[in-house]
PDB file of N, CA and C in Angstrom:
ATOM      1  N   UNK A   1      10.255   5.070  38.171  1.00  0.00           N
ATOM      2  CA  UNK A   1       9.958   4.030  37.205  1.00  0.00           C
ATOM      3  C   UNK A   1       8.472   4.002  36.881  1.00  0.00           C
ATOM      4  N   UNK A   2       7.655   4.183  37.888  1.00  0.00           N
ATOM      5  CA  UNK A   2       6.213   4.153  37.665  1.00  0.00           C
ATOM      6  C   UNK A   2       5.786   5.306  36.757  1.00  0.00           C
ATOM      7  N   UNK A   3       6.361   6.481  36.947  1.00  0.00           N
ATOM      8  CA  UNK A   3       6.023   7.639  36.115  1.00  0.00           C
ATOM      9  C   UNK A   3       6.454   7.457  34.662  1.00  0.00           C
ATOM     10  N   UNK A   4       7.637   6.895  34.448  1.00  0.00           N
ATOM     11  CA  UNK A   4       8.114   6.640  33.088  1.00  0.00           C
ATOM     12  C   UNK A   4       7.227   5.599  32.411  1.00  0.00           C
ATOM     13  N   UNK A   5       6.863   4.569  33.137  1.00  0.00           N
ATOM     14  CA  UNK A   5       5.989   3.526  32.580  1.00  0.00           C
ATOM     15  C   UNK A   5       4.631   4.082  32.195  1.00  0.00           C
ATOM     16  N   UNK A   6       4.049   4.906  33.053  1.00  0.00           N
ATOM     17  CA  UNK A   6       2.760   5.512  32.722  1.00  0.00           C
ATOM     18  C   UNK A   6       2.887   6.485  31.549  1.00  0.00           C
ATOM     19  N   UNK A   7       4.007   7.185  31.485  1.00  0.00           N
ATOM     20  CA  UNK A   7       4.239   8.098  30.361  1.00  0.00           C
ATOM     21  C   UNK A   7       4.348   7.359  29.035  1.00  0.00           C
ATOM     22  N   UNK A   8       5.047   6.241  29.037  1.00  0.00           N
ATOM     23  CA  UNK A   8       5.172   5.425  27.824  1.00  0.00           C
ATOM     24  C   UNK A   8       3.812   4.898  27.398  1.00  0.00           C
ATOM     25  N   UNK A   9       3.032   4.422  28.325  1.00  0.00           N
ATOM     26  CA  UNK A   9       1.686   3.933  27.992  1.00  0.00           C
ATOM     27  C   UNK A   9       0.803   5.053  27.446  1.00  0.00           C
ATOM     28  N   UNK A  10       0.920   6.252  28.009  1.00  0.00           N
ATOM     29  CA  UNK A  10       0.131   7.382  27.519  1.00  0.00           C
ATOM     30  C   UNK A  10       0.539   7.742  26.090  1.00  0.00           C
ATOM     31  N   UNK A  11       1.823   7.738  25.792  1.00  0.00           N
ATOM     32  CA  UNK A  11       2.286   8.040  24.433  1.00  0.00           C
ATOM     33  C   UNK A  11       1.805   6.976  23.456  1.00  0.00           C
ATOM     34  N   UNK A  12       1.887   5.722  23.826  1.00  0.00           N
ATOM     35  CA  UNK A  12       1.410   4.640  22.954  1.00  0.00           C
ATOM     36  C   UNK A  12      -0.093   4.771  22.738  1.00  0.00           C
ATOM     37  N   UNK A  13      -0.836   5.089  23.768  1.00  0.00           N
ATOM     38  CA  UNK A  13      -2.283   5.242  23.652  1.00  0.00           C
ATOM     39  C   UNK A  13      -2.642   6.414  22.743  1.00  0.00           C
ATOM     40  N   UNK A  14      -1.946   7.520  22.870  1.00  0.00           N
ATOM     41  CA  UNK A  14      -2.281   8.723  22.094  1.00  0.00           C
ATOM     42  C   UNK A  14      -1.775   8.625  20.660  1.00  0.00           C
ATOM     43  N   UNK A  15      -0.543   8.150  20.452  1.00  0.00           N
ATOM     44  CA  UNK A  15       0.075   8.156  19.135  1.00  0.00           C
ATOM     45  C   UNK A  15       0.249   6.765  18.543  1.00  0.00           C
ATOM     46  N   UNK A  16      -0.371   5.759  19.067  1.00  0.00           N
ATOM     47  CA  UNK A  16      -0.125   4.377  18.679  1.00  0.00           C
ATOM     48  C   UNK A  16      -0.395   4.025  17.237  1.00  0.00           C
ATOM     49  N   UNK A  17      -1.464   4.501  16.637  1.00  0.00           N
ATOM     50  CA  UNK A  17      -1.839   4.079  15.297  1.00  0.00           C
ATOM     51  C   UNK A  17      -1.299   4.982  14.194  1.00  0.00           C
ATOM     52  N   UNK A  18      -0.540   5.964  14.530  1.00  0.00           N
ATOM     53  CA  UNK A  18      -0.033   6.895  13.516  1.00  0.00           C
ATOM     54  C   UNK A  18       1.221   6.347  12.871  1.00  0.00           C
ATOM     55  N   UNK A  19       1.370   6.705  11.608  1.00  0.00           N
ATOM     56  CA  UNK A  19       2.534   6.265  10.854  1.00  0.00           C
ATOM     57  C   UNK A  19       3.497   7.430  10.723  1.00  0.00           C
ATOM     58  N   UNK A  20       4.541   7.422  11.513  1.00  0.00           N
ATOM     59  CA  UNK A  20       5.541   8.484  11.481  1.00  0.00           C
ATOM     60  C   UNK A  20       6.710   8.034  10.617  1.00  0.00           C
ATOM     61  N   UNK A  21       7.191   8.935   9.796  1.00  0.00           N
ATOM     62  CA  UNK A  21       8.360   8.645   8.981  1.00  0.00           C
ATOM     63  C   UNK A  21       9.316   9.829   9.055  1.00  0.00           C
ATOM     64  N   UNK A  22      10.507   9.549   9.488  1.00  0.00           N
ATOM     65  CA  UNK A  22      11.535  10.584   9.535  1.00  0.00           C
ATOM     66  C   UNK A  22      12.487  10.338   8.378  1.00  0.00           C
ATOM     67  N   UNK A  23      12.560  11.282   7.483  1.00  0.00           N
ATOM     68  CA  UNK A  23      13.427  11.110   6.324  1.00  0.00           C
ATOM     69  C   UNK A  23      14.375  12.302   6.236  1.00  0.00           C
ATOM     70  N   UNK A  24      15.504  12.173   6.875  1.00  0.00           N
ATOM     71  CA  UNK A  24      16.490  13.245   6.906  1.00  0.00           C
ATOM     72  C   UNK A  24      17.591  13.064   5.873  1.00  0.00           C
ATOM     73  N   UNK A  25      17.721  11.860   5.318  1.00  0.00           N
ATOM     74  CA  UNK A  25      18.752  11.620   4.330  1.00  0.00           C
ATOM     75  C   UNK A  25      18.306  12.192   2.987  1.00  0.00           C
ATOM     76  N   UNK A  26      19.236  12.719   2.186  1.00  0.00           N
ATOM     77  CA  UNK A  26      18.860  13.360   0.918  1.00  0.00           C
ATOM     78  C   UNK A  26      18.065  12.456  -0.015  1.00  0.00           C
ATOM     79  N   UNK A  27      18.455  11.191  -0.127  1.00  0.00           N
ATOM     80  CA  UNK A  27      17.734  10.261  -1.002  1.00  0.00           C
ATOM     81  C   UNK A  27      16.275  10.133  -0.566  1.00  0.00           C
ATOM     82  N   UNK A  28      16.044   9.947   0.725  1.00  0.00           N
ATOM     83  CA  UNK A  28      14.690   9.798   1.248  1.00  0.00           C
ATOM     84  C   UNK A  28      13.867  11.066   1.067  1.00  0.00           C
ATOM     85  N   UNK A  29      14.490  12.209   1.229  1.00  0.00           N
ATOM     86  CA  UNK A  29      13.771  13.477   1.093  1.00  0.00           C
ATOM     87  C   UNK A  29      13.306  13.697  -0.340  1.00  0.00           C
ATOM     88  N   UNK A  30      14.161  13.384  -1.322  1.00  0.00           N
ATOM     89  CA  UNK A  30      13.782  13.553  -2.728  1.00  0.00           C
ATOM     90  C   UNK A  30      12.656  12.594  -3.091  1.00  0.00           C
ATOM     91  N   UNK A  31      12.797  11.318  -2.711  1.00  0.00           N
ATOM     92  CA  UNK A  31      11.756  10.340  -3.032  1.00  0.00           C
ATOM     93  C   UNK A  31      10.442  10.685  -2.349  1.00  0.00           C
ATOM     94  N   UNK A  32      10.486  11.140  -1.113  1.00  0.00           N
ATOM     95  CA  UNK A  32       9.279  11.536  -0.398  1.00  0.00           C
ATOM     96  C   UNK A  32       8.608  12.726  -1.083  1.00  0.00           C
ATOM     97  N   UNK A  33       9.400  13.679  -1.528  1.00  0.00           N
ATOM     98  CA  UNK A  33       8.860  14.838  -2.230  1.00  0.00           C
ATOM     99  C   UNK A  33       8.201  14.429  -3.544  1.00  0.00           C
ATOM    100  N   UNK A  34       8.818  13.498  -4.280  1.00  0.00           N
ATOM    101  CA  UNK A  34       8.233  13.025  -5.531  1.00  0.00           C
ATOM    102  C   UNK A  34       6.935  12.257  -5.289  1.00  0.00           C
ATOM    103  N   UNK A  35       6.875  11.472  -4.219  1.00  0.00           N
ATOM    104  CA  UNK A  35       5.655  10.700  -3.915  1.00  0.00           C
ATOM    105  C   UNK A  35       4.485  11.591  -3.553  1.00  0.00           C
ATOM    106  N   UNK A  36       4.744  12.746  -2.959  1.00  0.00           N
ATOM    107  CA  UNK A  36       3.666  13.635  -2.523  1.00  0.00           C
ATOM    108  C   UNK A  36       2.979  14.338  -3.683  1.00  0.00           C
ATOM    109  N   UNK A  37       3.629  14.399  -4.820  1.00  0.00           N
ATOM    110  CA  UNK A  37       3.106  15.169  -5.940  1.00  0.00           C
ATOM    111  C   UNK A  37       2.368  14.288  -6.936  1.00  0.00           C
ATOM    112  N   UNK A  38       1.564  14.933  -7.763  1.00  0.00           N
ATOM    113  CA  UNK A  38       0.869  14.222  -8.834  1.00  0.00           C
ATOM    114  C   UNK A  38       1.912  13.726  -9.827  1.00  0.00           C
ATOM    115  N   UNK A  39       1.860  12.445 -10.160  1.00  0.00           N
ATOM    116  CA  UNK A  39       2.813  11.850 -11.088  1.00  0.00           C
ATOM    117  C   UNK A  39       2.225  11.867 -12.491  1.00  0.00           C
ATOM    118  N   UNK A  40       2.925  12.507 -13.421  1.00  0.00           N
ATOM    119  CA  UNK A  40       2.495  12.600 -14.811  1.00  0.00           C
ATOM    120  C   UNK A  40       3.445  11.770 -15.654  1.00  0.00           C
ATOM    121  N   UNK A  41       2.877  10.849 -16.435  1.00  0.00           N
ATOM    122  CA  UNK A  41       3.663  10.017 -17.338  1.00  0.00           C
ATOM    123  C   UNK A  41       3.163  10.280 -18.744  1.00  0.00           C
ATOM    124  N   UNK A  42       3.936  10.992 -19.576  1.00  0.00           N
ATOM    125  CA  UNK A  42       3.510  11.271 -20.944  1.00  0.00           C
ATOM    126  C   UNK A  42       3.324   9.984 -21.760  1.00  0.00           C
ATOM    127  N   UNK A  43       2.575  10.082 -22.834  1.00  0.00           N
ATOM    128  CA  UNK A  43       2.239   8.917 -23.648  1.00  0.00           C
ATOM    129  C   UNK A  43       3.483   8.219 -24.209  1.00  0.00           C
ATOM    130  N   UNK A  44       4.479   8.979 -24.667  1.00  0.00           N
ATOM    131  CA  UNK A  44       5.675   8.342 -25.236  1.00  0.00           C
ATOM    132  C   UNK A  44       6.465   7.590 -24.168  1.00  0.00           C
ATOM    133  N   UNK A  45       6.452   8.074 -22.939  1.00  0.00           N
ATOM    134  CA  UNK A  45       7.132   7.366 -21.848  1.00  0.00           C
ATOM    135  C   UNK A  45       6.335   6.116 -21.474  1.00  0.00           C
ATOM    136  N   UNK A  46       5.013   6.198 -21.506  1.00  0.00           N
ATOM    137  CA  UNK A  46       4.185   5.011 -21.258  1.00  0.00           C
ATOM    138  C   UNK A  46       4.458   3.935 -22.298  1.00  0.00           C
ATOM    139  N   UNK A  47       4.673   4.344 -23.548  1.00  0.00           N
ATOM    140  CA  UNK A  47       5.004   3.384 -24.600  1.00  0.00           C
ATOM    141  C   UNK A  47       6.364   2.748 -24.340  1.00  0.00           C
ATOM    142  N   UNK A  48       7.344   3.549 -23.898  1.00  0.00           N
ATOM    143  CA  UNK A  48       8.653   3.006 -23.538  1.00  0.00           C
ATOM    144  C   UNK A  48       8.504   1.983 -22.414  1.00  0.00           C
ATOM    145  N   UNK A  49       7.706   2.327 -21.432  1.00  0.00           N
ATOM    146  CA  UNK A  49       7.504   1.427 -20.295  1.00  0.00           C
ATOM    147  C   UNK A  49       6.818   0.144 -20.737  1.00  0.00           C
ATOM    148  N   UNK A  50       5.798   0.257 -21.586  1.00  0.00           N
ATOM    149  CA  UNK A  50       5.092  -0.921 -22.079  1.00  0.00           C
ATOM    150  C   UNK A  50       6.002  -1.837 -22.866  1.00  0.00           C
ATOM    151  N   UNK A  51       6.862  -1.263 -23.690  1.00  0.00           N
ATOM    152  CA  UNK A  51       7.815  -2.048 -24.467  1.00  0.00           C
ATOM    153  C   UNK A  51       8.786  -2.785 -23.552  1.00  0.00           C
ATOM    154  N   UNK A  52       9.159  -2.146 -22.458  1.00  0.00           N
ATOM    155  CA  UNK A  52      10.109  -2.741 -21.510  1.00  0.00           C
ATOM    156  C   UNK A  52       9.429  -3.674 -20.509  1.00  0.00           C
ATOM    157  N   UNK A  53       8.106  -3.743 -20.523  1.00  0.00           N
ATOM    158  CA  UNK A  53       7.400  -4.605 -19.577  1.00  0.00           C
ATOM    159  C   UNK A  53       7.218  -3.979 -18.210  1.00  0.00           C
ATOM    160  N   UNK A  54       7.182  -2.653 -18.148  1.00  0.00           N
ATOM    161  CA  UNK A  54       7.011  -1.942 -16.883  1.00  0.00           C
ATOM    162  C   UNK A  54       5.639  -1.286 -16.843  1.00  0.00           C
ATOM    163  N   UNK A  55       5.148  -1.008 -15.635  1.00  0.00           N
ATOM    164  CA  UNK A  55       3.872  -0.309 -15.494  1.00  0.00           C
ATOM    165  C   UNK A  55       3.971   0.705 -14.351  1.00  0.00           C
ATOM    166  N   UNK A  56       2.839   1.331 -14.031  1.00  0.00           N
ATOM    167  CA  UNK A  56       2.840   2.372 -13.005  1.00  0.00           C
ATOM    168  C   UNK A  56       3.137   1.802 -11.619  1.00  0.00           C
ATOM    169  N   UNK A  57       2.837   0.537 -11.390  1.00  0.00           N
ATOM    170  CA  UNK A  57       3.182  -0.081 -10.105  1.00  0.00           C
ATOM    171  C   UNK A  57       4.698  -0.122  -9.927  1.00  0.00           C
ATOM    172  N   UNK A  58       5.430  -0.342 -11.018  1.00  0.00           N
ATOM    173  CA  UNK A  58       6.891  -0.320 -10.944  1.00  0.00           C
ATOM    174  C   UNK A  58       7.387   1.079 -10.592  1.00  0.00           C
ATOM    175  N   UNK A  59       6.710   2.105 -11.098  1.00  0.00           N
ATOM    176  CA  UNK A  59       7.079   3.486 -10.746  1.00  0.00           C
ATOM    177  C   UNK A  59       6.839   3.748  -9.264  1.00  0.00           C
ATOM    178  N   UNK A  60       5.750   3.223  -8.732  1.00  0.00           N
ATOM    179  CA  UNK A  60       5.470   3.391  -7.304  1.00  0.00           C
ATOM    180  C   UNK A  60       6.543   2.724  -6.450  1.00  0.00           C
ATOM    181  N   UNK A  61       6.963   1.530  -6.868  1.00  0.00           N
ATOM    182  CA  UNK A  61       8.034   0.834  -6.148  1.00  0.00           C
ATOM    183  C   UNK A  61       9.323   1.640  -6.234  1.00  0.00           C
ATOM    184  N   UNK A  62       9.582   2.233  -7.407  1.00  0.00           N
ATOM    185  CA  UNK A  62      10.784   3.042  -7.576  1.00  0.00           C
ATOM    186  C   UNK A  62      10.782   4.241  -6.635  1.00  0.00           C
ATOM    187  N   UNK A  63       9.617   4.878  -6.485  1.00  0.00           N
ATOM    188  CA  UNK A  63       9.541   6.059  -5.625  1.00  0.00           C
ATOM    189  C   UNK A  63       9.605   5.706  -4.145  1.00  0.00           C
ATOM    190  N   UNK A  64       9.553   4.432  -3.826  1.00  0.00           N
ATOM    191  CA  UNK A  64       9.711   3.988  -2.447  1.00  0.00           C
ATOM    192  C   UNK A  64      11.113   3.449  -2.182  1.00  0.00           C
ATOM    193  N   UNK A  65      11.641   2.663  -3.129  1.00  0.00           N
ATOM    194  CA  UNK A  65      12.907   1.953  -2.896  1.00  0.00           C
ATOM    195  C   UNK A  65      14.043   2.397  -3.803  1.00  0.00           C
ATOM    196  N   UNK A  66      13.844   3.395  -4.628  1.00  0.00           N
ATOM    197  CA  UNK A  66      14.861   3.811  -5.588  1.00  0.00           C
ATOM    198  C   UNK A  66      16.018   4.555  -4.964  1.00  0.00           C
ATOM    199  N   UNK A  67      17.049   4.750  -5.761  1.00  0.00           N
ATOM    200  CA  UNK A  67      18.234   5.504  -5.354  1.00  0.00           C
ATOM    201  C   UNK A  67      18.403   6.678  -6.312  1.00  0.00           C
ATOM    202  N   UNK A  68      18.553   7.867  -5.752  1.00  0.00           N
ATOM    203  CA  UNK A  68      18.721   9.078  -6.545  1.00  0.00           C
ATOM    204  C   UNK A  68      20.202   9.251  -6.875  1.00  0.00           C
ATOM    205  N   UNK A  69      20.494   9.550  -8.142  1.00  0.00           N
ATOM    206  CA  UNK A  69      21.864   9.823  -8.575  1.00  0.00           C
ATOM    207  C   UNK A  69      22.102  11.326  -8.474  1.00  0.00           C
ATOM    208  N   UNK A  70      22.721  11.751  -7.385  1.00  0.00           N
ATOM    209  CA  UNK A  70      22.910  13.178  -7.134  1.00  0.00           C
ATOM    210  C   UNK A  70      24.006  13.793  -8.004  1.00  0.00           C
ATOM    211  N   UNK A  71      24.794  12.956  -8.682  1.00  0.00           N
ATOM    212  CA  UNK A  71      25.799  13.494  -9.595  1.00  0.00           C
ATOM    213  C   UNK A  71      25.164  14.064 -10.859  1.00  0.00           C
ATOM    214  N   UNK A  72      23.957  13.628 -11.179  1.00  0.00           N
ATOM    215  CA  UNK A  72      23.290  14.061 -12.406  1.00  0.00           C
ATOM    216  C   UNK A  72      22.103  14.987 -12.146  1.00  0.00           C
ATOM    217  N   UNK A  73      22.005  15.574 -10.976  1.00  0.00           N
ATOM    218  CA  UNK A  73      20.902  16.480 -10.660  1.00  0.00           C
ATOM    219  C   UNK A  73      21.103  17.778 -11.430  1.00  0.00           C
ATOM    220  N   UNK A  74      20.033  18.223 -12.094  1.00  0.00           N
ATOM    221  CA  UNK A  74      20.075  19.488 -12.818  1.00  0.00           C
ATOM    222  C   UNK A  74      19.134  20.467 -12.134  1.00  0.00           C
ATOM    223  N   UNK A  75      19.704  21.563 -11.674  1.00  0.00           N
ATOM    224  CA  UNK A  75      18.908  22.605 -11.045  1.00  0.00           C
ATOM    225  C   UNK A  75      18.798  23.756 -12.023  1.00  0.00           C
ATOM    226  N   UNK A  76      17.610  23.965 -12.541  1.00  0.00           N
ATOM    227  CA  UNK A  76      17.399  25.051 -13.481  1.00  0.00           C
ATOM    228  C   UNK A  76      17.163  26.363 -12.767  1.00  0.00           C
ATOM    229  N   UNK A  77      16.974  27.393 -13.547  1.00  0.00           N
ATOM    230  CA  UNK A  77      16.696  28.701 -12.966  1.00  0.00           C
ATOM    231  C   UNK A  77      15.283  28.782 -12.417  1.00  0.00           C
ATOM    232  N   UNK A  78      14.385  27.945 -12.919  1.00  0.00           N
ATOM    233  CA  UNK A  78      13.001  27.942 -12.455  1.00  0.00           C
ATOM    234  C   UNK A  78      12.841  27.106 -11.202  1.00  0.00           C
ATOM    235  N   UNK A  79      11.627  26.698 -10.959  1.00  0.00           N
ATOM    236  CA  UNK A  79      11.334  25.934  -9.757  1.00  0.00           C
ATOM    237  C   UNK A  79      11.461  24.432  -9.975  1.00  0.00           C
ATOM    238  N   UNK A  80      11.764  23.991 -11.183  1.00  0.00           N
ATOM    239  CA  UNK A  80      11.843  22.558 -11.481  1.00  0.00           C
ATOM    240  C   UNK A  80      13.289  22.060 -11.436  1.00  0.00           C
ATOM    241  N   UNK A  81      13.450  20.852 -10.892  1.00  0.00           N
ATOM    242  CA  UNK A  81      14.734  20.163 -10.858  1.00  0.00           C
ATOM    243  C   UNK A  81      14.537  18.801 -11.503  1.00  0.00           C
ATOM    244  N   UNK A  82      15.591  18.255 -12.077  1.00  0.00           N
ATOM    245  CA  UNK A  82      15.492  16.918 -12.655  1.00  0.00           C
ATOM    246  C   UNK A  82      16.390  15.964 -11.871  1.00  0.00           C
ATOM    247  N   UNK A  83      15.887  14.751 -11.661  1.00  0.00           N
ATOM    248  CA  UNK A  83      16.593  13.726 -10.896  1.00  0.00           C
ATOM    249  C   UNK A  83      16.544  12.410 -11.666  1.00  0.00           C
ATOM    250  N   UNK A  84      17.677  11.724 -11.735  1.00  0.00           N
ATOM    251  CA  UNK A  84      17.704  10.349 -12.206  1.00  0.00           C
ATOM    252  C   UNK A  84      17.546   9.449 -10.986  1.00  0.00           C
ATOM    253  N   UNK A  85      16.564   8.582 -11.034  1.00  0.00           N
ATOM    254  CA  UNK A  85      16.315   7.624  -9.957  1.00  0.00           C
ATOM    255  C   UNK A  85      16.436   6.230 -10.551  1.00  0.00           C
ATOM    256  N   UNK A  86      17.195   5.362  -9.894  1.00  0.00           N
ATOM    257  CA  UNK A  86      17.356   3.996 -10.392  1.00  0.00           C
ATOM    258  C   UNK A  86      16.808   3.004  -9.378  1.00  0.00           C
ATOM    259  N   UNK A  87      16.323   1.894  -9.908  1.00  0.00           N
ATOM    260  CA  UNK A  87      15.792   0.811  -9.078  1.00  0.00           C
ATOM    261  C   UNK A  87      16.430  -0.481  -9.550  1.00  0.00           C
ATOM    262  N   UNK A  88      17.256  -1.055  -8.700  1.00  0.00           N
ATOM    263  CA  UNK A  88      17.914  -2.328  -9.025  1.00  0.00           C
ATOM    264  C   UNK A  88      17.161  -3.449  -8.326  1.00  0.00           C
ATOM    265  N   UNK A  89      16.748  -4.444  -9.125  1.00  0.00           N
ATOM    266  CA  UNK A  89      15.984  -5.579  -8.595  1.00  0.00           C
ATOM    267  C   UNK A  89      16.532  -6.866  -9.175  1.00  0.00           C
ATOM    268  N   UNK A  90      16.403  -7.933  -8.425  1.00  0.00           N
ATOM    269  CA  UNK A  90      16.845  -9.238  -8.911  1.00  0.00           C
ATOM    270  C   UNK A  90      15.719 -10.008  -9.584  1.00  0.00           C
ATOM    271  N   UNK A  91      14.498  -9.877  -9.061  1.00  0.00           N
ATOM    272  CA  UNK A  91      13.393 -10.683  -9.576  1.00  0.00           C
ATOM    273  C   UNK A  91      12.740 -10.088 -10.820  1.00  0.00           C
ATOM    274  N   UNK A  92      12.892  -8.798 -11.037  1.00  0.00           N
ATOM    275  CA  UNK A  92      12.322  -8.127 -12.208  1.00  0.00           C
ATOM    276  C   UNK A  92      13.391  -7.268 -12.851  1.00  0.00           C
ATOM    277  N   UNK A  93      13.012  -6.593 -13.930  1.00  0.00           N
ATOM    278  CA  UNK A  93      13.956  -5.728 -14.635  1.00  0.00           C
ATOM    279  C   UNK A  93      14.341  -4.529 -13.779  1.00  0.00           C
ATOM    280  N   UNK A  94      15.626  -4.212 -13.807  1.00  0.00           N
ATOM    281  CA  UNK A  94      16.112  -2.997 -13.166  1.00  0.00           C
ATOM    282  C   UNK A  94      16.009  -1.869 -14.184  1.00  0.00           C
ATOM    283  N   UNK A  95      15.653  -0.681 -13.698  1.00  0.00           N
ATOM    284  CA  UNK A  95      15.500   0.435 -14.614  1.00  0.00           C
ATOM    285  C   UNK A  95      15.775   1.746 -13.900  1.00  0.00           C
ATOM    286  N   UNK A  96      15.944   2.790 -14.698  1.00  0.00           N
ATOM    287  CA  UNK A  96      16.109   4.131 -14.152  1.00  0.00           C
ATOM    288  C   UNK A  96      15.142   5.051 -14.880  1.00  0.00           C
ATOM    289  N   UNK A  97      14.807   6.147 -14.220  1.00  0.00           N
ATOM    290  CA  UNK A  97      13.867   7.101 -14.801  1.00  0.00           C
ATOM    291  C   UNK A  97      14.330   8.511 -14.477  1.00  0.00           C
ATOM    292  N   UNK A  98      14.076   9.400 -15.414  1.00  0.00           N
ATOM    293  CA  UNK A  98      14.380  10.811 -15.236  1.00  0.00           C
ATOM    294  C   UNK A  98      13.100  11.523 -14.837  1.00  0.00           C
ATOM    295  N   UNK A  99      13.107  12.120 -13.645  1.00  0.00           N
ATOM    296  CA  UNK A  99      11.943  12.834 -13.123  1.00  0.00           C
ATOM    297  C   UNK A  99      12.198  14.326 -13.157  1.00  0.00           C
ATOM    298  N   UNK A 100      11.190  15.088 -13.587  1.00  0.00           N
ATOM    299  CA  UNK A 100      11.225  16.538 -13.466  1.00  0.00           C
ATOM    300  C   UNK A 100      10.332  16.896 -12.290  1.00  0.00           C
ATOM    301  N   UNK A 101      10.922  17.453 -11.259  1.00  0.00           N
ATOM    302  CA  UNK A 101      10.223  17.746 -10.017  1.00  0.00           C
ATOM    303  C   UNK A 101       9.896  19.238  -9.972  1.00  0.00           C
ATOM    304  N   UNK A 102       8.628  19.571 -10.186  1.00  0.00           N
ATOM    305  CA  UNK A 102       8.176  20.962 -10.159  1.00  0.00           C
ATOM    306  C   UNK A 102       7.374  21.198  -8.877  1.00  0.00           C
ATOM    307  N   UNK A 103       6.774  22.373  -8.764  1.00  0.00           N
ATOM    308  CA  UNK A 103       6.059  22.749  -7.538  1.00  0.00           C
ATOM    309  C   UNK A 103       4.950  21.780  -7.161  1.00  0.00           C
ATOM    310  N   UNK A 104       4.087  21.424  -8.093  1.00  0.00           N
ATOM    311  CA  UNK A 104       2.927  20.605  -7.734  1.00  0.00           C
ATOM    312  C   UNK A 104       2.829  19.312  -8.526  1.00  0.00           C
ATOM    313  N   UNK A 105       3.758  19.069  -9.435  1.00  0.00           N
ATOM    314  CA  UNK A 105       3.681  17.883 -10.279  1.00  0.00           C
ATOM    315  C   UNK A 105       5.078  17.315 -10.513  1.00  0.00           C
ATOM    316  N   UNK A 106       5.155  15.989 -10.592  1.00  0.00           N
ATOM    317  CA  UNK A 106       6.391  15.290 -10.945  1.00  0.00           C
ATOM    318  C   UNK A 106       6.146  14.578 -12.268  1.00  0.00           C
ATOM    319  N   UNK A 107       6.990  14.852 -13.259  1.00  0.00           N
ATOM    320  CA  UNK A 107       6.809  14.304 -14.597  1.00  0.00           C
ATOM    321  C   UNK A 107       7.948  13.349 -14.902  1.00  0.00           C
ATOM    322  N   UNK A 108       7.609  12.178 -15.446  1.00  0.00           N
ATOM    323  CA  UNK A 108       8.612  11.218 -15.894  1.00  0.00           C
ATOM    324  C   UNK A 108       8.992  11.591 -17.323  1.00  0.00           C
ATOM    325  N   UNK A 109      10.255  11.922 -17.527  1.00  0.00           N
ATOM    326  CA  UNK A 109      10.703  12.380 -18.851  1.00  0.00           C
ATOM    327  C   UNK A 109      11.296  11.252 -19.689  1.00  0.00           C
ATOM    328  N   UNK A 110      11.874  10.245 -19.032  1.00  0.00           N
ATOM    329  CA  UNK A 110      12.559   9.193 -19.762  1.00  0.00           C
ATOM    330  C   UNK A 110      12.697   7.962 -18.879  1.00  0.00           C
ATOM    331  N   UNK A 111      12.686   6.788 -19.496  1.00  0.00           N
ATOM    332  CA  UNK A 111      12.881   5.526 -18.780  1.00  0.00           C
ATOM    333  C   UNK A 111      13.938   4.714 -19.513  1.00  0.00           C
ATOM    334  N   UNK A 112      14.898   4.178 -18.770  1.00  0.00           N
ATOM    335  CA  UNK A 112      15.961   3.334 -19.346  1.00  0.00           C
ATOM    336  C   UNK A 112      16.028   2.021 -18.590  1.00  0.00           C
ATOM    337  N   UNK A 113      16.183   0.930 -19.312  1.00  0.00           N
ATOM    338  CA  UNK A 113      16.388  -0.389 -18.697  1.00  0.00           C
ATOM    339  C   UNK A 113      17.875  -0.526 -18.386  1.00  0.00           C
ATOM    340  N   UNK A 114      18.188  -0.980 -17.181  1.00  0.00           N
ATOM    341  CA  UNK A 114      19.574  -1.149 -16.743  1.00  0.00           C
ATOM    342  C   UNK A 114      20.029  -2.585 -16.974  1.00  0.00           C
ATOM    343  N   UNK A 115      21.300  -2.747 -17.276  1.00  0.00           N
ATOM    344  CA  UNK A 115      21.873  -4.080 -17.457  1.00  0.00           C
ATOM    345  C   UNK A 115      21.925  -4.793 -16.108  1.00  0.00           C
ATOM    346  N   UNK A 116      21.642  -6.073 -16.108  1.00  0.00           N
ATOM    347  CA  UNK A 116      21.631  -6.844 -14.867  1.00  0.00           C
ATOM    348  C   UNK A 116      23.002  -7.146 -14.392  1.00  0.00           C
TER     349      UNK A 116
END
């Protein structure tokens, strides 16, 4: 018992302040991959977002709490894949966005407001 207790204290002391995240589920892996890349929002999509009352903070929330629709995933011959991600919220507008996930950049291609 003493050895296990000292081992636990040593692990807490060494790794205590680190933020570990294990994302083995497909939804978490896609969202994590999109968050790691540079997010590009074209001007016409920014206008769609502005008209709908959305901003880049809403996109950040989507990339953390969104749900990927794997039925609509398009895998092209190149290195880019497209994903529909939806964010359902009660306090604000729910919306979905089409992301093109390439090697070093994630581009928002379209934004749709979802019915409540």
